[in-house]
Amino acid sequence: MYLDKKILYWCTIPVTILVFCGVILRTILQTSSQKKKKKRLPFKNEKNLNDCLMSTQRVSLRNQEFQNHLNRSALIRSRRFLIPEDSFLKRKLFYCELESGYFHNSPESPSPLAALSNPDHSALTDMMKNQFGFLILNGGMGYLVNTLFSGFLVVYIPFPLSYSFKGMLQRGIESNPNISASFLSALSFYFIALLCCGEVVHLFLSIIGFEGVSGPQIDLPMMNQQVSPLGNQTDYSKLFKEEVESLQITPIECALDQMEEMAIKLLEI
C-alpha cells in the first residue's frame, strides 16, 4: 500500500500550514495580552509612586529586592577567590553585622491567614484566560482537520510499528487490520504537528523580529506552571538566617595574592 502524491499537496501541507498559522496566532495574542498589562504609572515623585502601586505590587517589589540581595550574597561566596580580602570583609560586614547588617534586619514571616483574607487572584485569572484561549483555538483547528480531512492517511513512517500503535496513530478512521500501523491519519498528524511546532514558531518569530517572545510556547496546557491564588509566601527571614550562617563559615580565599608568585615563576622559566 502506497500513498498518492496528491495527498501531500491536498492534505499534509494544508494541515501543516493550518497548525503553523494557528500556533503563531496564539503566540501573538498571548504576547499582546501580556504587553497590555504593563501600563505606565502617572507619578511625579517617590511618594506619588508609592500611592499608585497596589499592595500586591509593593510586596512583589520588596520580595524582588530581597531575592536580589540573596543572589548577590551567593555570588560573593562562590566568587570569593576573585575578590581581595578587604573587599570581601566589607561585603560580609554589610550583610552580617549584628545591629545594622542587611540580613539581620529581616522582614516578618508571612502569615498564611493574611494571605487567605486577601488572596491575589490576578495570576489565577490570567492562567484561566490562557487555558480558554488554548482550548478555543486548538479545538477549532482540530474540528477543521477532523471535518475536512476525515478518513485520510497523510503520512507514512519509514519503519515498522506494532499493531498496538494503530489506535494512537490512526485516529478518525475505521480500524482496518490490513492497513499497516506506520500510516498516520490526518487527525493524528495534527496532534503530532501541534506538539512539535513550538520551537519552529519561536525561531520564525525571532527571525522576523517579533518583540516580546522570550521562549518557545509549550503547547500542553497541563504543563504550564500552576499558580497559587494565595500569592508568594516565601519566608525571607529564614532565608536571611541561612545566608548569614553561610557567609560566616565561608573561608577567605583570594587567588590575587598569589599572582605575583605565579608571575615570577613564569618569568624564571
Protein backbone atom coordinates (compact mmCIF):
# COMPACT_ATOMS: atom_id res chain seq x y z
CA MET A 1 0.00 0.00 0.00
CA TYR A 2 1.38 3.39 -1.03
CA LEU A 3 0.26 6.98 -0.56
CA ASP A 4 -0.75 9.04 -3.57
CA LYS A 5 1.48 12.07 -4.20
CA LYS A 6 -1.60 14.30 -4.36
CA ILE A 7 -2.21 13.65 -0.65
CA LEU A 8 0.94 15.66 0.06
CA TYR A 9 -0.50 18.73 -1.68
CA TRP A 10 -4.14 18.40 -0.64
CA CYS A 11 -3.83 17.04 2.94
CA THR A 12 -0.36 17.02 4.51
CA ILE A 13 0.76 20.53 3.54
CA PRO A 14 -2.62 22.20 4.36
CA VAL A 15 -2.69 20.57 7.82
CA THR A 16 0.88 21.73 8.47
CA ILE A 17 0.11 25.30 7.36
CA LEU A 18 -3.06 25.36 9.48
CA VAL A 19 -1.19 24.27 12.61
CA PHE A 20 1.71 26.65 11.97
CA CYS A 21 -0.57 29.68 11.46
CA GLY A 22 -2.72 28.74 14.45
CA VAL A 23 0.25 28.49 16.82
CA ILE A 24 1.64 31.80 15.52
CA LEU A 25 -1.73 33.49 16.08
CA ARG A 26 -1.98 32.09 19.61
CA THR A 27 1.57 33.20 20.46
CA ILE A 28 0.94 36.72 19.17
CA LEU A 29 -2.33 37.02 21.10
CA GLN A 30 -0.72 35.82 24.34
CA THR A 31 2.21 38.21 23.93
CA SER A 32 -0.10 41.14 23.15
CA SER A 33 -2.23 40.44 26.23
CA GLN A 34 0.90 40.44 28.39
CA LYS A 35 2.04 43.78 26.95
CA LYS A 36 -1.30 45.42 27.80
CA LYS A 37 -0.75 44.70 31.49
CA LYS A 38 2.44 46.79 31.55
CA LYS A 39 0.94 50.26 31.91
CA ARG A 40 2.94 53.35 32.77
CA LEU A 41 2.00 54.78 36.16
CA PRO A 42 1.48 58.58 36.27
CA PHE A 43 3.81 59.65 39.10
CA LYS A 44 5.95 62.70 39.74
CA ASN A 45 7.91 61.67 42.83
CA GLU A 46 8.53 58.65 45.03
CA LYS A 47 5.58 59.41 47.29
CA ASN A 48 3.20 59.56 44.34
CA LEU A 49 4.70 56.31 43.01
CA ASN A 50 4.06 54.61 46.34
CA ASP A 51 0.45 55.78 46.23
CA CYS A 52 -0.04 54.43 42.69
CA LEU A 53 1.33 51.00 43.49
CA MET A 54 -1.13 48.48 44.88
CA SER A 55 -0.31 46.41 47.94
CA THR A 56 0.46 43.33 45.86
CA GLN A 57 2.87 45.35 43.72
CA ARG A 58 4.66 46.68 46.80
CA VAL A 59 5.07 43.16 48.14
CA SER A 60 6.35 41.98 44.76
CA LEU A 61 8.94 44.77 44.57
CA ARG A 62 10.06 44.12 48.14
CA ASN A 63 10.42 40.40 47.52
CA GLN A 64 12.39 41.12 44.35
CA GLU A 65 14.80 43.29 46.36
CA PHE A 66 15.26 40.53 48.94
CA GLN A 67 15.88 37.94 46.24
CA ASN A 68 18.44 40.18 44.51
CA HIS A 69 20.43 40.53 47.73
CA LEU A 70 20.31 36.78 48.32
CA ASN A 71 21.60 36.17 44.80
CA ARG A 72 24.35 38.76 45.28
CA SER A 73 25.44 37.17 48.55
CA ALA A 74 25.56 33.72 46.95
CA LEU A 75 27.60 35.15 44.07
CA ILE A 76 30.06 36.70 46.53
CA ARG A 77 30.53 33.35 48.27
CA SER A 78 31.01 31.44 45.04
CA ARG A 79 33.45 34.01 43.53
CA ARG A 80 35.31 34.90 46.71
CA PHE A 81 38.68 33.89 45.23
CA LEU A 82 38.41 36.80 42.76
CA ILE A 83 37.81 39.43 45.48
CA PRO A 84 40.56 40.96 47.66
CA GLU A 85 40.41 40.15 51.35
CA ASP A 86 39.42 43.65 52.48
CA SER A 87 36.67 43.89 49.84
CA PHE A 88 35.26 40.51 50.86
CA LEU A 89 35.26 41.55 54.54
CA LYS A 90 33.43 44.80 53.72
CA ARG A 91 30.74 42.94 51.83
CA LYS A 92 30.48 40.40 54.62
CA LEU A 93 30.15 43.20 57.18
CA PHE A 94 27.40 44.85 55.13
CA TYR A 95 25.30 41.70 55.25
CA CYS A 96 26.25 40.10 58.58
CA GLU A 97 26.88 42.96 61.05
CA LEU A 98 24.93 42.28 64.23
CA GLU A 99 22.94 45.51 64.52
CA SER A 100 22.98 47.21 61.12
CA GLY A 101 23.58 44.25 58.80
CA TYR A 102 21.13 43.87 55.93
CA PHE A 103 20.32 40.25 56.68
CA HIS A 104 19.83 40.94 60.40
CA ASN A 105 17.00 43.37 59.62
CA SER A 106 14.89 40.50 58.38
CA PRO A 107 11.23 41.02 57.49
CA GLU A 108 8.39 39.40 59.35
CA SER A 109 7.45 35.87 58.42
CA PRO A 110 4.40 35.76 56.12
CA SER A 111 1.14 34.77 57.74
CA PRO A 112 -0.98 32.19 55.89
CA LEU A 113 -4.14 33.69 57.41
CA ALA A 114 -3.32 37.09 55.92
CA ALA A 115 -2.95 35.51 52.50
CA LEU A 116 -6.30 33.78 52.88
CA SER A 117 -8.02 37.01 53.88
CA ASN A 118 -6.72 38.89 50.80
CA PRO A 119 -5.70 36.41 48.10
CA ASP A 120 -4.23 37.52 44.79
CA HIS A 121 -6.46 36.21 42.01
CA SER A 122 -4.77 38.03 39.13
CA ALA A 123 -2.31 35.24 38.35
CA LEU A 124 -5.05 32.62 38.51
CA THR A 125 -7.28 34.72 36.23
CA ASP A 126 -4.50 35.13 33.68
CA MET A 127 -3.87 31.39 33.70
CA MET A 128 -7.57 30.68 33.09
CA LYS A 129 -7.63 33.14 30.18
CA ASN A 130 -4.66 31.38 28.58
CA GLN A 131 -6.31 28.00 29.05
CA PHE A 132 -9.56 29.18 27.45
CA GLY A 133 -7.64 30.61 24.52
CA PHE A 134 -5.79 27.32 24.15
CA LEU A 135 -8.99 25.28 24.18
CA ILE A 136 -10.89 27.52 21.75
CA LEU A 137 -8.12 27.92 19.16
CA ASN A 138 -6.77 24.38 19.25
CA GLY A 139 -10.26 22.90 19.47
CA GLY A 140 -11.28 24.87 16.38
CA MET A 141 -8.24 23.69 14.44
CA GLY A 142 -8.90 20.09 15.49
CA TYR A 143 -12.53 20.40 14.36
CA LEU A 144 -11.46 21.71 10.94
CA VAL A 145 -8.93 18.93 10.46
CA ASN A 146 -11.42 16.27 11.54
CA THR A 147 -14.11 17.70 9.23
CA LEU A 148 -12.10 18.49 6.10
CA PHE A 149 -9.62 15.61 6.17
CA SER A 150 -11.61 12.87 7.86
CA GLY A 151 -10.60 9.35 6.79
CA PHE A 152 -7.34 10.37 5.08
CA LEU A 153 -3.96 8.72 5.65
CA VAL A 154 -1.48 11.56 5.13
CA VAL A 155 1.94 10.39 6.38
CA TYR A 156 3.89 7.16 6.23
CA ILE A 157 6.51 6.40 8.92
CA PRO A 158 9.51 4.71 7.24
CA PHE A 159 9.90 1.95 9.84
CA PRO A 160 7.55 -0.80 11.01
CA LEU A 161 5.41 -0.40 14.12
CA SER A 162 3.42 -2.91 16.13
CA TYR A 163 -0.35 -3.24 15.91
CA SER A 164 -0.79 -1.56 19.32
CA PHE A 165 0.12 1.83 17.77
CA LYS A 166 -2.84 1.80 15.37
CA GLY A 167 -5.28 3.32 17.85
CA MET A 168 -2.95 6.24 18.53
CA LEU A 169 -1.63 6.91 15.01
CA GLN A 170 -4.82 6.31 13.04
CA ARG A 171 -7.37 8.45 14.87
CA GLY A 172 -10.51 9.36 12.98
CA ILE A 173 -10.60 6.38 10.60
CA GLU A 174 -12.11 2.95 10.91
CA SER A 175 -9.74 0.27 12.16
CA ASN A 176 -8.65 -1.94 9.29
CA PRO A 177 -6.29 -4.85 10.09
CA ASN A 178 -4.93 -4.77 6.54
CA ILE A 179 -3.53 -1.25 6.96
CA SER A 180 -0.05 -1.04 8.46
CA ALA A 181 0.42 0.86 11.73
CA SER A 182 3.08 3.01 10.04
CA PHE A 183 0.41 5.13 8.32
CA LEU A 184 -0.77 8.28 10.13
CA SER A 185 -4.25 9.70 9.83
CA ALA A 186 -4.86 13.42 9.39
CA LEU A 187 -6.10 13.88 12.98
CA SER A 188 -3.11 12.06 14.49
CA PHE A 189 -0.72 14.04 12.29
CA TYR A 190 -2.41 17.25 13.51
CA PHE A 191 -1.70 16.43 17.16
CA ILE A 192 1.91 15.48 16.42
CA ALA A 193 2.48 18.67 14.42
CA LEU A 194 0.87 20.73 17.19
CA LEU A 195 3.26 19.31 19.79
CA CYS A 196 6.37 19.73 17.64
CA CYS A 197 5.95 23.17 16.06
CA GLY A 198 6.67 25.27 19.17
CA GLU A 199 10.41 25.55 18.52
CA VAL A 200 9.85 26.27 14.82
CA VAL A 201 7.36 29.05 15.59
CA HIS A 202 9.71 30.60 18.15
CA LEU A 203 12.56 30.55 15.61
CA PHE A 204 10.34 32.07 12.92
CA LEU A 205 9.14 34.91 15.18
CA SER A 206 12.73 35.60 16.26
CA ILE A 207 13.88 35.80 12.63
CA ILE A 208 11.17 38.27 11.60
CA GLY A 209 11.95 40.39 14.68
CA PHE A 210 8.71 39.99 16.62
CA GLU A 211 9.17 41.58 20.05
CA GLY A 212 8.10 40.05 23.32
CA VAL A 213 8.79 36.37 22.58
CA SER A 214 11.28 35.24 25.24
CA GLY A 215 10.96 31.50 24.78
CA PRO A 216 9.09 28.79 22.91
CA GLN A 217 5.48 28.33 23.89
CA ILE A 218 4.53 25.00 25.45
CA ASP A 219 1.56 23.50 23.68
CA LEU A 220 0.25 21.33 26.51
CA PRO A 221 -1.94 23.23 28.99
CA MET A 222 -1.26 20.80 31.84
CA MET A 223 2.47 21.53 31.60
CA ASN A 224 2.01 25.20 32.48
CA GLN A 225 3.17 26.31 35.87
CA GLN A 226 0.35 26.16 38.39
CA VAL A 227 -0.03 29.49 40.15
CA SER A 228 -1.29 29.59 43.69
CA PRO A 229 -4.08 32.12 44.33
CA LEU A 230 -2.59 32.79 47.77
CA GLY A 231 0.40 34.55 46.24
CA ASN A 232 4.06 34.22 47.11
CA GLN A 233 4.61 33.04 50.69
CA THR A 234 8.42 32.83 50.74
CA ASP A 235 9.85 33.11 54.26
CA TYR A 236 12.73 35.52 53.66
CA SER A 237 13.58 35.79 57.36
CA LYS A 238 14.53 32.10 57.35
CA LEU A 239 16.49 32.51 54.11
CA PHE A 240 18.35 35.50 55.58
CA LYS A 241 19.40 33.49 58.64
CA GLU A 242 20.65 30.65 56.47
CA GLU A 243 22.61 33.06 54.28
CA VAL A 244 24.20 34.71 57.33
CA GLU A 245 25.37 31.31 58.56
CA SER A 246 26.77 30.50 55.13
CA LEU A 247 28.68 33.79 54.98
CA GLN A 248 30.06 33.34 58.49
CA ILE A 249 31.60 29.94 57.71
CA THR A 250 32.88 30.91 54.25
CA PRO A 251 36.71 30.95 54.27
CA ILE A 252 38.66 33.80 52.72
CA GLU A 253 40.48 32.54 49.65
CA CYS A 254 41.88 35.17 47.32
CA ALA A 255 43.74 34.00 44.24
CA LEU A 256 45.00 37.54 43.60
CA ASP A 257 47.51 37.26 46.46
CA GLN A 258 49.37 34.53 44.61
CA MET A 259 49.51 36.28 41.25
CA GLU A 260 52.96 37.82 41.89
CA GLU A 261 54.49 34.48 42.82
CA MET A 262 52.96 32.83 39.78
CA ALA A 263 54.27 35.61 37.51
CA ILE A 264 57.79 35.28 38.95
CA LYS A 265 57.77 31.53 38.37
CA LEU A 266 56.67 32.03 34.77
CA LEU A 267 59.43 34.60 34.18
CA GLU A 268 62.06 32.28 35.64
CA ILE A 269 61.02 29.52 33.26
